[in-house]
PDB file of N, CA and C in Angstrom:
ATOM      1  N   UNK A   1       1.680  14.103 -26.656  1.00  0.00           N
ATOM      2  CA  UNK A   1       0.883  12.889 -26.018  1.00  0.00           C
ATOM      3  C   UNK A   1      -0.423  13.322 -26.495  1.00  0.00           C
ATOM      4  N   UNK A   2      -1.347  12.430 -27.075  1.00  0.00           N
ATOM      5  CA  UNK A   2      -2.327  12.908 -27.454  1.00  0.00           C
ATOM      6  C   UNK A   2      -3.616  12.876 -26.269  1.00  0.00           C
ATOM      7  N   UNK A   3      -4.915  13.082 -26.245  1.00  0.00           N
ATOM      8  CA  UNK A   3      -5.604  13.193 -25.180  1.00  0.00           C
ATOM      9  C   UNK A   3      -6.099  11.745 -24.906  1.00  0.00           C
ATOM     10  N   UNK A   4      -6.130  11.167 -25.700  1.00  0.00           N
ATOM     11  CA  UNK A   4      -6.692   9.760 -25.501  1.00  0.00           C
ATOM     12  C   UNK A   4      -5.685   8.892 -24.836  1.00  0.00           C
ATOM     13  N   UNK A   5      -4.064   9.100 -24.810  1.00  0.00           N
ATOM     14  CA  UNK A   5      -2.978   8.505 -24.627  1.00  0.00           C
ATOM     15  C   UNK A   5      -2.889   8.872 -22.757  1.00  0.00           C
ATOM     16  N   UNK A   6      -3.164  10.851 -22.894  1.00  0.00           N
ATOM     17  CA  UNK A   6      -3.363  10.834 -21.093  1.00  0.00           C
ATOM     18  C   UNK A   6      -4.328  10.341 -20.531  1.00  0.00           C
ATOM     19  N   UNK A   7      -5.649  10.111 -20.803  1.00  0.00           N
ATOM     20  CA  UNK A   7      -6.630   9.249 -20.402  1.00  0.00           C
ATOM     21  C   UNK A   7      -6.483   7.731 -20.285  1.00  0.00           C
ATOM     22  N   UNK A   8      -5.529   7.404 -21.043  1.00  0.00           N
ATOM     23  CA  UNK A   8      -4.999   5.867 -20.412  1.00  0.00           C
ATOM     24  C   UNK A   8      -4.167   6.033 -19.510  1.00  0.00           C
ATOM     25  N   UNK A   9      -3.130   6.795 -19.739  1.00  0.00           N
ATOM     26  CA  UNK A   9      -2.184   6.878 -18.436  1.00  0.00           C
ATOM     27  C   UNK A   9      -3.028   7.215 -16.839  1.00  0.00           C
ATOM     28  N   UNK A  10      -4.061   8.307 -17.026  1.00  0.00           N
ATOM     29  CA  UNK A  10      -5.117   8.482 -15.966  1.00  0.00           C
ATOM     30  C   UNK A  10      -5.502   6.805 -15.116  1.00  0.00           C
ATOM     31  N   UNK A  11      -6.207   6.494 -16.323  1.00  0.00           N
ATOM     32  CA  UNK A  11      -7.040   5.526 -16.148  1.00  0.00           C
ATOM     33  C   UNK A  11      -5.852   4.278 -15.307  1.00  0.00           C
ATOM     34  N   UNK A  12      -5.033   4.117 -15.804  1.00  0.00           N
ATOM     35  CA  UNK A  12      -3.939   3.311 -15.499  1.00  0.00           C
ATOM     36  C   UNK A  12      -3.274   3.303 -13.961  1.00  0.00           C
ATOM     37  N   UNK A  13      -3.276   4.590 -13.824  1.00  0.00           N
ATOM     38  CA  UNK A  13      -2.803   4.863 -12.458  1.00  0.00           C
ATOM     39  C   UNK A  13      -3.821   4.899 -11.430  1.00  0.00           C
ATOM     40  N   UNK A  14      -5.229   5.234 -11.919  1.00  0.00           N
ATOM     41  CA  UNK A  14      -5.955   4.746 -10.974  1.00  0.00           C
ATOM     42  C   UNK A  14      -6.753   3.453 -10.594  1.00  0.00           C
ATOM     43  N   UNK A  15      -5.843   2.333 -11.564  1.00  0.00           N
ATOM     44  CA  UNK A  15      -5.959   0.870 -11.470  1.00  0.00           C
ATOM     45  C   UNK A  15      -4.689   0.730 -10.598  1.00  0.00           C
ATOM     46  N   UNK A  16      -3.899   1.259 -10.889  1.00  0.00           N
ATOM     47  CA  UNK A  16      -2.500   0.748  -9.618  1.00  0.00           C
ATOM     48  C   UNK A  16      -2.941   1.139  -8.294  1.00  0.00           C
ATOM     49  N   UNK A  17      -3.605   2.117  -8.287  1.00  0.00           N
ATOM     50  CA  UNK A  17      -3.630   2.821  -6.554  1.00  0.00           C
ATOM     51  C   UNK A  17      -4.710   1.653  -6.227  1.00  0.00           C
ATOM     52  N   UNK A  18      -5.651   1.224  -6.797  1.00  0.00           N
ATOM     53  CA  UNK A  18      -6.862   0.564  -6.250  1.00  0.00           C
ATOM     54  C   UNK A  18      -6.215  -0.787  -6.083  1.00  0.00           C
ATOM     55  N   UNK A  19      -5.205  -1.504  -6.507  1.00  0.00           N
ATOM     56  CA  UNK A  19      -4.648  -2.460  -6.203  1.00  0.00           C
ATOM     57  C   UNK A  19      -3.705  -2.382  -5.025  1.00  0.00           C
ATOM     58  N   UNK A  20      -2.900  -0.997  -5.094  1.00  0.00           N
ATOM     59  CA  UNK A  20      -2.116  -1.014  -3.969  1.00  0.00           C
ATOM     60  C   UNK A  20      -3.234  -0.643  -2.484  1.00  0.00           C
ATOM     61  N   UNK A  21      -4.460  -0.104  -2.810  1.00  0.00           N
ATOM     62  CA  UNK A  21      -5.175  -0.072  -1.656  1.00  0.00           C
ATOM     63  C   UNK A  21      -5.461  -1.642  -1.161  1.00  0.00           C
ATOM     64  N   UNK A  22      -6.091  -2.224  -1.908  1.00  0.00           N
ATOM     65  CA  UNK A  22      -6.186  -3.725  -2.017  1.00  0.00           C
ATOM     66  C   UNK A  22      -5.318  -4.435  -0.923  1.00  0.00           C
ATOM     67  N   UNK A  23      -3.800  -4.172  -1.447  1.00  0.00           N
ATOM     68  CA  UNK A  23      -3.138  -4.850  -0.524  1.00  0.00           C
ATOM     69  C   UNK A  23      -2.881  -4.874   0.794  1.00  0.00           C
ATOM     70  N   UNK A  24      -3.321  -2.911   0.525  1.00  0.00           N
ATOM     71  CA  UNK A  24      -2.864  -2.206   1.881  1.00  0.00           C
ATOM     72  C   UNK A  24      -4.243  -2.556   3.261  1.00  0.00           C
ATOM     73  N   UNK A  25      -5.184  -3.248   2.563  1.00  0.00           N
ATOM     74  CA  UNK A  25      -6.146  -3.664   3.338  1.00  0.00           C
ATOM     75  C   UNK A  25      -5.934  -4.965   3.678  1.00  0.00           C
ATOM     76  N   UNK A  26      -4.682  -5.680   3.596  1.00  0.00           N
ATOM     77  CA  UNK A  26      -4.787  -7.050   3.891  1.00  0.00           C
ATOM     78  C   UNK A  26      -3.425  -6.621   4.904  1.00  0.00           C
ATOM     79  N   UNK A  27      -2.875  -5.684   4.409  1.00  0.00           N
ATOM     80  CA  UNK A  27      -1.689  -5.200   5.913  1.00  0.00           C
ATOM     81  C   UNK A  27      -2.532  -4.970   6.945  1.00  0.00           C
ATOM     82  N   UNK A  28      -3.069  -3.891   7.068  1.00  0.00           N
ATOM     83  CA  UNK A  28      -4.152  -3.580   8.376  1.00  0.00           C
ATOM     84  C   UNK A  28      -3.236  -3.611   9.477  1.00  0.00           C
ATOM     85  N   UNK A  29      -2.303  -2.754   9.833  1.00  0.00           N
ATOM     86  CA  UNK A  29      -2.231  -2.966  11.123  1.00  0.00           C
ATOM     87  C   UNK A  29      -2.723  -2.673  12.538  1.00  0.00           C
ATOM     88  N   UNK A  30      -3.300  -1.709  12.279  1.00  0.00           N
ATOM     89  CA  UNK A  30      -4.525  -1.720  13.502  1.00  0.00           C
ATOM     90  C   UNK A  30      -5.628  -2.617  13.612  1.00  0.00           C
ATOM     91  N   UNK A  31      -6.061  -3.639  12.276  1.00  0.00           N
ATOM     92  CA  UNK A  31      -6.729  -4.248  12.699  1.00  0.00           C
ATOM     93  C   UNK A  31      -8.122  -3.836  12.567  1.00  0.00           C
ATOM     94  N   UNK A  32      -8.415  -2.926  11.517  1.00  0.00           N
ATOM     95  CA  UNK A  32     -10.087  -2.153  11.875  1.00  0.00           C
ATOM     96  C   UNK A  32     -10.934  -2.931  10.299  1.00  0.00           C
ATOM     97  N   UNK A  33     -10.056  -3.446   9.652  1.00  0.00           N
ATOM     98  CA  UNK A  33     -10.791  -3.624   8.470  1.00  0.00           C
ATOM     99  C   UNK A  33     -11.820  -4.799   8.132  1.00  0.00           C
ATOM    100  N   UNK A  34     -11.888  -5.794   9.002  1.00  0.00           N
ATOM    101  CA  UNK A  34     -12.861  -6.436   9.694  1.00  0.00           C
ATOM    102  C   UNK A  34     -14.229  -6.105   9.814  1.00  0.00           C
ATOM    103  N   UNK A  35     -13.702  -5.291  11.050  1.00  0.00           N
ATOM    104  CA  UNK A  35     -14.775  -4.400  11.616  1.00  0.00           C
ATOM    105  C   UNK A  35     -15.712  -3.325  10.934  1.00  0.00           C
ATOM    106  N   UNK A  36     -15.263  -2.955   9.689  1.00  0.00           N
ATOM    107  CA  UNK A  36     -15.460  -1.752   9.059  1.00  0.00           C
ATOM    108  C   UNK A  36     -16.405  -2.767   7.804  1.00  0.00           C
ATOM    109  N   UNK A  37     -15.934  -3.921   7.217  1.00  0.00           N
ATOM    110  CA  UNK A  37     -16.661  -4.761   6.616  1.00  0.00           C
ATOM    111  C   UNK A  37     -17.893  -5.034   7.475  1.00  0.00           C
ATOM    112  N   UNK A  38     -17.904  -5.324   8.616  1.00  0.00           N
ATOM    113  CA  UNK A  38     -19.052  -5.828   9.322  1.00  0.00           C
ATOM    114  C   UNK A  38     -19.896  -5.112   9.416  1.00  0.00           C
ATOM    115  N   UNK A  39     -19.525  -3.395   9.596  1.00  0.00           N
ATOM    116  CA  UNK A  39     -20.534  -2.737   9.698  1.00  0.00           C
ATOM    117  C   UNK A  39     -20.966  -2.017   8.346  1.00  0.00           C
ATOM    118  N   UNK A  40     -20.371  -2.732   7.365  1.00  0.00           N
ATOM    119  CA  UNK A  40     -20.988  -2.169   6.186  1.00  0.00           C
ATOM    120  C   UNK A  40     -20.474  -0.955   5.531  1.00  0.00           C
ATOM    121  N   UNK A  41     -19.311  -0.470   6.279  1.00  0.00           N
ATOM    122  CA  UNK A  41     -18.738   0.692   5.902  1.00  0.00           C
ATOM    123  C   UNK A  41     -17.508   0.282   4.954  1.00  0.00           C
ATOM    124  N   UNK A  42     -17.194   1.063   4.412  1.00  0.00           N
ATOM    125  CA  UNK A  42     -16.043   1.080   3.391  1.00  0.00           C
ATOM    126  C   UNK A  42     -14.620   1.022   4.068  1.00  0.00           C
ATOM    127  N   UNK A  43     -13.688   0.276   3.557  1.00  0.00           N
ATOM    128  CA  UNK A  43     -12.574  -0.198   4.098  1.00  0.00           C
ATOM    129  C   UNK A  43     -11.676   0.596   3.334  1.00  0.00           C
ATOM    130  N   UNK A  44     -11.706   1.662   3.985  1.00  0.00           N
ATOM    131  CA  UNK A  44     -10.654   2.913   3.121  1.00  0.00           C
ATOM    132  C   UNK A  44      -9.728   3.589   4.173  1.00  0.00           C
ATOM    133  N   UNK A  45      -9.307   3.015   5.485  1.00  0.00           N
ATOM    134  CA  UNK A  45      -8.812   3.429   6.692  1.00  0.00           C
ATOM    135  C   UNK A  45      -6.862   3.704   5.886  1.00  0.00           C
ATOM    136  N   UNK A  46      -6.587   2.864   4.964  1.00  0.00           N
ATOM    137  CA  UNK A  46      -5.244   2.957   4.349  1.00  0.00           C
ATOM    138  C   UNK A  46      -5.491   3.946   3.125  1.00  0.00           C
ATOM    139  N   UNK A  47      -6.426   3.954   2.400  1.00  0.00           N
ATOM    140  CA  UNK A  47      -6.483   4.190   1.152  1.00  0.00           C
ATOM    141  C   UNK A  47      -5.213   5.462   0.776  1.00  0.00           C
ATOM    142  N   UNK A  48      -5.565   6.516   1.785  1.00  0.00           N
ATOM    143  CA  UNK A  48      -4.380   7.959   1.599  1.00  0.00           C
ATOM    144  C   UNK A  48      -2.871   7.595   1.622  1.00  0.00           C
ATOM    145  N   UNK A  49      -2.771   6.054   1.900  1.00  0.00           N
ATOM    146  CA  UNK A  49      -1.442   5.957   2.280  1.00  0.00           C
ATOM    147  C   UNK A  49      -0.598   4.927   0.369  1.00  0.00           C
ATOM    148  N   UNK A  50      -1.803   4.770  -0.155  1.00  0.00           N
ATOM    149  CA  UNK A  50      -1.531   4.273  -1.452  1.00  0.00           C
ATOM    150  C   UNK A  50      -0.723   4.719  -2.701  1.00  0.00           C
ATOM    151  N   UNK A  51      -1.108   6.494  -2.742  1.00  0.00           N
ATOM    152  CA  UNK A  51      -0.601   7.138  -3.606  1.00  0.00           C
ATOM    153  C   UNK A  51       1.064   6.933  -4.356  1.00  0.00           C
ATOM    154  N   UNK A  52       1.182   7.338  -2.470  1.00  0.00           N
ATOM    155  CA  UNK A  52       2.600   7.425  -2.251  1.00  0.00           C
ATOM    156  C   UNK A  52       3.452   5.878  -2.314  1.00  0.00           C
ATOM    157  N   UNK A  53       3.151   5.140  -1.802  1.00  0.00           N
ATOM    158  CA  UNK A  53       3.431   3.670  -1.866  1.00  0.00           C
ATOM    159  C   UNK A  53       3.511   3.614  -3.858  1.00  0.00           C
ATOM    160  N   UNK A  54       2.564   4.085  -4.257  1.00  0.00           N
ATOM    161  CA  UNK A  54       2.266   3.547  -5.609  1.00  0.00           C
ATOM    162  C   UNK A  54       3.944   4.485  -6.139  1.00  0.00           C
ATOM    163  N   UNK A  55       3.838   5.643  -6.181  1.00  0.00           N
ATOM    164  CA  UNK A  55       5.280   6.386  -6.163  1.00  0.00           C
ATOM    165  C   UNK A  55       6.277   5.961  -6.174  1.00  0.00           C
ATOM    166  N   UNK A  56       6.724   5.317  -4.769  1.00  0.00           N
ATOM    167  CA  UNK A  56       7.542   4.355  -4.187  1.00  0.00           C
ATOM    168  C   UNK A  56       8.097   3.358  -5.386  1.00  0.00           C
ATOM    169  N   UNK A  57       7.028   2.640  -5.524  1.00  0.00           N
ATOM    170  CA  UNK A  57       7.299   1.295  -6.293  1.00  0.00           C
ATOM    171  C   UNK A  57       7.320   1.460  -8.061  1.00  0.00           C
ATOM    172  N   UNK A  58       6.646   2.919  -8.470  1.00  0.00           N
ATOM    173  CA  UNK A  58       7.456   3.861  -9.697  1.00  0.00           C
ATOM    174  C   UNK A  58       8.653   4.125  -9.880  1.00  0.00           C
ATOM    175  N   UNK A  59       9.206   4.429  -8.737  1.00  0.00           N
ATOM    176  CA  UNK A  59      10.911   4.633  -8.807  1.00  0.00           C
ATOM    177  C   UNK A  59      11.877   3.906  -8.253  1.00  0.00           C
ATOM    178  N   UNK A  60      11.265   2.419  -8.244  1.00  0.00           N
ATOM    179  CA  UNK A  60      11.709   1.141  -8.246  1.00  0.00           C
ATOM    180  C   UNK A  60      12.556   0.927  -6.766  1.00  0.00           C
ATOM    181  N   UNK A  61      11.587   1.754  -6.059  1.00  0.00           N
ATOM    182  CA  UNK A  61      11.713   0.916  -4.382  1.00  0.00           C
ATOM    183  C   UNK A  61      11.928  -0.241  -4.310  1.00  0.00           C
ATOM    184  N   UNK A  62      12.960  -0.839  -3.683  1.00  0.00           N
ATOM    185  CA  UNK A  62      12.867  -2.549  -3.385  1.00  0.00           C
ATOM    186  C   UNK A  62      11.990  -2.911  -2.008  1.00  0.00           C
ATOM    187  N   UNK A  63      12.012  -4.000  -1.745  1.00  0.00           N
ATOM    188  CA  UNK A  63      11.189  -4.601  -0.651  1.00  0.00           C
ATOM    189  C   UNK A  63      11.900  -4.096   1.105  1.00  0.00           C
ATOM    190  N   UNK A  64      12.940  -3.708   0.845  1.00  0.00           N
ATOM    191  CA  UNK A  64      13.497  -3.297   2.328  1.00  0.00           C
ATOM    192  C   UNK A  64      13.134  -2.090   2.032  1.00  0.00           C
ATOM    193  N   UNK A  65      12.893  -1.066   1.105  1.00  0.00           N
ATOM    194  CA  UNK A  65      12.578   0.583   1.066  1.00  0.00           C
ATOM    195  C   UNK A  65      10.994   0.446   1.546  1.00  0.00           C
ATOM    196  N   UNK A  66      10.393  -0.126   0.980  1.00  0.00           N
ATOM    197  CA  UNK A  66       8.902  -0.456   1.346  1.00  0.00           C
ATOM    198  C   UNK A  66       8.229  -0.873   2.633  1.00  0.00           C
ATOM    199  N   UNK A  67       9.222  -1.743   3.080  1.00  0.00           N
ATOM    200  CA  UNK A  67       9.137  -2.426   4.319  1.00  0.00           C
ATOM    201  C   UNK A  67       9.098  -1.499   5.148  1.00  0.00           C
ATOM    202  N   UNK A  68      10.019  -0.380   5.301  1.00  0.00           N
ATOM    203  CA  UNK A  68      10.955   0.600   6.278  1.00  0.00           C
ATOM    204  C   UNK A  68       9.741   1.425   5.953  1.00  0.00           C
ATOM    205  N   UNK A  69       9.352   1.994   5.004  1.00  0.00           N
ATOM    206  CA  UNK A  69       8.083   2.868   4.889  1.00  0.00           C
ATOM    207  C   UNK A  69       7.064   2.135   5.424  1.00  0.00           C
ATOM    208  N   UNK A  70       6.664   1.164   5.594  1.00  0.00           N
ATOM    209  CA  UNK A  70       5.416   0.884   6.427  1.00  0.00           C
ATOM    210  C   UNK A  70       5.434   0.991   7.804  1.00  0.00           C
ATOM    211  N   UNK A  71       7.066   0.134   8.017  1.00  0.00           N
ATOM    212  CA  UNK A  71       7.316   0.617   9.341  1.00  0.00           C
ATOM    213  C   UNK A  71       7.197   2.031   9.997  1.00  0.00           C
ATOM    214  N   UNK A  72       7.441   2.800   9.184  1.00  0.00           N
ATOM    215  CA  UNK A  72       7.616   4.024   9.662  1.00  0.00           C
ATOM    216  C   UNK A  72       6.001   4.873   9.654  1.00  0.00           C
ATOM    217  N   UNK A  73       4.896   4.410   8.805  1.00  0.00           N
ATOM    218  CA  UNK A  73       4.140   4.652   8.933  1.00  0.00           C
ATOM    219  C   UNK A  73       3.302   4.228  10.219  1.00  0.00           C
ATOM    220  N   UNK A  74       3.708   2.654  10.565  1.00  0.00           N
ATOM    221  CA  UNK A  74       2.908   2.372  11.661  1.00  0.00           C
ATOM    222  C   UNK A  74       3.716   3.212  13.221  1.00  0.00           C
ATOM    223  N   UNK A  75       4.620   3.299  12.979  1.00  0.00           N
ATOM    224  CA  UNK A  75       5.321   3.827  13.987  1.00  0.00           C
ATOM    225  C   UNK A  75       5.197   5.386  14.225  1.00  0.00           C
ATOM    226  N   UNK A  76       4.959   6.137  13.346  1.00  0.00           N
ATOM    227  CA  UNK A  76       4.889   7.912  13.356  1.00  0.00           C
ATOM    228  C   UNK A  76       3.461   8.116  13.398  1.00  0.00           C
ATOM    229  N   UNK A  77       2.975   8.368  11.875  1.00  0.00           N
ATOM    230  CA  UNK A  77       1.024   8.553  11.798  1.00  0.00           C
ATOM    231  C   UNK A  77       0.813   8.142  12.534  1.00  0.00           C
ATOM    232  N   UNK A  78       0.508   6.864  12.762  1.00  0.00           N
ATOM    233  CA  UNK A  78      -0.095   5.859  13.572  1.00  0.00           C
ATOM    234  C   UNK A  78      -0.403   5.550  15.079  1.00  0.00           C
ATOM    235  N   UNK A  79       1.291   5.925  15.054  1.00  0.00           N
ATOM    236  CA  UNK A  79       1.698   5.946  16.967  1.00  0.00           C
ATOM    237  C   UNK A  79       1.514   4.468  17.491  1.00  0.00           C
ATOM    238  N   UNK A  80       1.960   3.328  16.385  1.00  0.00           N
ATOM    239  CA  UNK A  80       1.851   2.255  16.873  1.00  0.00           C
ATOM    240  C   UNK A  80       2.860   1.617  17.909  1.00  0.00           C
ATOM    241  N   UNK A  81       3.791   2.666  17.923  1.00  0.00           N
ATOM    242  CA  UNK A  81       4.941   2.406  18.757  1.00  0.00           C
ATOM    243  C   UNK A  81       6.328   1.439  17.764  1.00  0.00           C
ATOM    244  N   UNK A  82       7.369   0.854  18.742  1.00  0.00           N
ATOM    245  CA  UNK A  82       8.522   0.376  18.090  1.00  0.00           C
ATOM    246  C   UNK A  82       8.025  -1.029  17.074  1.00  0.00           C
ATOM    247  N   UNK A  83       9.278  -0.905  16.219  1.00  0.00           N
ATOM    248  CA  UNK A  83       8.889  -2.090  15.788  1.00  0.00           C
ATOM    249  C   UNK A  83       9.462  -3.372  16.128  1.00  0.00           C
ATOM    250  N   UNK A  84       8.335  -4.388  15.925  1.00  0.00           N
ATOM    251  CA  UNK A  84       8.788  -5.679  16.534  1.00  0.00           C
ATOM    252  C   UNK A  84       9.121  -6.704  15.735  1.00  0.00           C
ATOM    253  N   UNK A  85       9.624  -8.057  15.922  1.00  0.00           N
ATOM    254  CA  UNK A  85       9.877  -8.833  15.038  1.00  0.00           C
ATOM    255  C   UNK A  85       8.743  -9.476  14.281  1.00  0.00           C
ATOM    256  N   UNK A  86       7.612  -9.347  14.663  1.00  0.00           N
ATOM    257  CA  UNK A  86       6.161  -9.531  13.912  1.00  0.00           C
ATOM    258  C   UNK A  86       5.806  -8.083  13.343  1.00  0.00           C
ATOM    259  N   UNK A  87       6.204  -7.274  13.527  1.00  0.00           N
ATOM    260  CA  UNK A  87       5.600  -6.298  12.900  1.00  0.00           C
ATOM    261  C   UNK A  87       6.215  -6.030  11.429  1.00  0.00           C
ATOM    262  N   UNK A  88       8.037  -6.260  11.800  1.00  0.00           N
ATOM    263  CA  UNK A  88       8.883  -6.464  10.493  1.00  0.00           C
ATOM    264  C   UNK A  88       8.502  -7.429   9.727  1.00  0.00           C
ATOM    265  N   UNK A  89       8.110  -8.785  10.185  1.00  0.00           N
ATOM    266  CA  UNK A  89       8.049  -9.723   9.243  1.00  0.00           C
ATOM    267  C   UNK A  89       6.827  -9.451   8.399  1.00  0.00           C
ATOM    268  N   UNK A  90       5.907  -8.944   9.044  1.00  0.00           N
ATOM    269  CA  UNK A  90       4.179  -8.307   8.241  1.00  0.00           C
ATOM    270  C   UNK A  90       4.447  -7.665   7.435  1.00  0.00           C
ATOM    271  N   UNK A  91       5.429  -6.416   7.687  1.00  0.00           N
ATOM    272  CA  UNK A  91       5.456  -5.688   6.506  1.00  0.00           C
ATOM    273  C   UNK A  91       6.168  -5.918   5.427  1.00  0.00           C
ATOM    274  N   UNK A  92       7.301  -6.795   6.026  1.00  0.00           N
ATOM    275  CA  UNK A  92       8.231  -7.547   4.714  1.00  0.00           C
ATOM    276  C   UNK A  92       7.429  -8.091   4.174  1.00  0.00           C
ATOM    277  N   UNK A  93       6.446  -8.877   4.446  1.00  0.00           N
ATOM    278  CA  UNK A  93       5.428  -9.794   3.512  1.00  0.00           C
ATOM    279  C   UNK A  93       4.947  -8.818   2.609  1.00  0.00           C
ATOM    280  N   UNK A  94       4.274  -8.067   3.205  1.00  0.00           N
ATOM    281  CA  UNK A  94       3.181  -6.692   2.353  1.00  0.00           C
ATOM    282  C   UNK A  94       3.792  -6.136   1.236  1.00  0.00           C
ATOM    283  N   UNK A  95       5.254  -5.482   2.022  1.00  0.00           N
ATOM    284  CA  UNK A  95       6.426  -4.866   0.845  1.00  0.00           C
ATOM    285  C   UNK A  95       6.320  -6.156  -0.003  1.00  0.00           C
ATOM    286  N   UNK A  96       6.945  -7.303   0.029  1.00  0.00           N
ATOM    287  CA  UNK A  96       7.374  -7.984  -0.946  1.00  0.00           C
ATOM    288  C   UNK A  96       6.134  -8.458  -1.832  1.00  0.00           C
ATOM    289  N   UNK A  97       4.970  -8.427  -1.428  1.00  0.00           N
ATOM    290  CA  UNK A  97       3.537  -8.854  -2.283  1.00  0.00           C
ATOM    291  C   UNK A  97       3.557  -7.505  -3.277  1.00  0.00           C
ATOM    292  N   UNK A  98       4.039  -6.392  -2.835  1.00  0.00           N
ATOM    293  CA  UNK A  98       3.487  -4.927  -3.610  1.00  0.00           C
ATOM    294  C   UNK A  98       4.807  -4.908  -4.716  1.00  0.00           C
ATOM    295  N   UNK A  99       5.617  -5.447  -4.601  1.00  0.00           N
ATOM    296  CA  UNK A  99       7.022  -5.494  -5.287  1.00  0.00           C
ATOM    297  C   UNK A  99       7.160  -6.123  -6.280  1.00  0.00           C
ATOM    298  N   UNK A 100       6.705  -7.262  -5.957  1.00  0.00           N
ATOM    299  CA  UNK A 100       6.379  -8.424  -6.644  1.00  0.00           C
ATOM    300  C   UNK A 100       5.036  -8.399  -8.050  1.00  0.00           C
ATOM    301  N   UNK A 101       3.898  -7.773  -7.528  1.00  0.00           N
ATOM    302  CA  UNK A 101       2.677  -7.590  -8.057  1.00  0.00           C
ATOM    303  C   UNK A 101       3.504  -6.182  -9.322  1.00  0.00           C
ATOM    304  N   UNK A 102       4.158  -5.404  -8.709  1.00  0.00           N
ATOM    305  CA  UNK A 102       4.672  -4.051  -9.666  1.00  0.00           C
ATOM    306  C   UNK A 102       5.678  -4.447 -10.706  1.00  0.00           C
ATOM    307  N   UNK A 103       6.560  -5.442 -10.134  1.00  0.00           N
ATOM    308  CA  UNK A 103       7.563  -6.433 -11.026  1.00  0.00           C
ATOM    309  C   UNK A 103       6.857  -6.812 -12.271  1.00  0.00           C
ATOM    310  N   UNK A 104       5.587  -7.480 -12.164  1.00  0.00           N
ATOM    311  CA  UNK A 104       4.566  -8.422 -12.528  1.00  0.00           C
ATOM    312  C   UNK A 104       4.405  -7.635 -13.814  1.00  0.00           C
ATOM    313  N   UNK A 105       4.181  -6.542 -13.171  1.00  0.00           N
ATOM    314  CA  UNK A 105       3.528  -5.162 -14.584  1.00  0.00           C
ATOM    315  C   UNK A 105       4.542  -5.107 -15.743  1.00  0.00           C
ATOM    316  N   UNK A 106       5.883  -4.953 -15.082  1.00  0.00           N
ATOM    317  CA  UNK A 106       6.880  -4.575 -15.919  1.00  0.00           C
ATOM    318  C   UNK A 106       6.992  -5.502 -17.420  1.00  0.00           C
TER     319      UNK A 106
END
């Protein structure tokens, strides 16, 4: 692999992570993004989750797996409590958006 092709892969990876970050800002399960933006702060609350989710997409995970991961993230690291029909529907929509975007790239 040439240095140029390595640079292109890194550039594409960074670009893909940014897309996932944008979708996660729409996800916003704790509702902080509007407040961060209103205060002139970067909307980076969920950015650390993007590389793992991108990896899931790269490995071929589907909507159900990504939605389950989003639910787990809400329950465990964020401590938002148990799944509800509303949270499951929201996470399924975000997961579907992510999987559709990823498949459109292929």
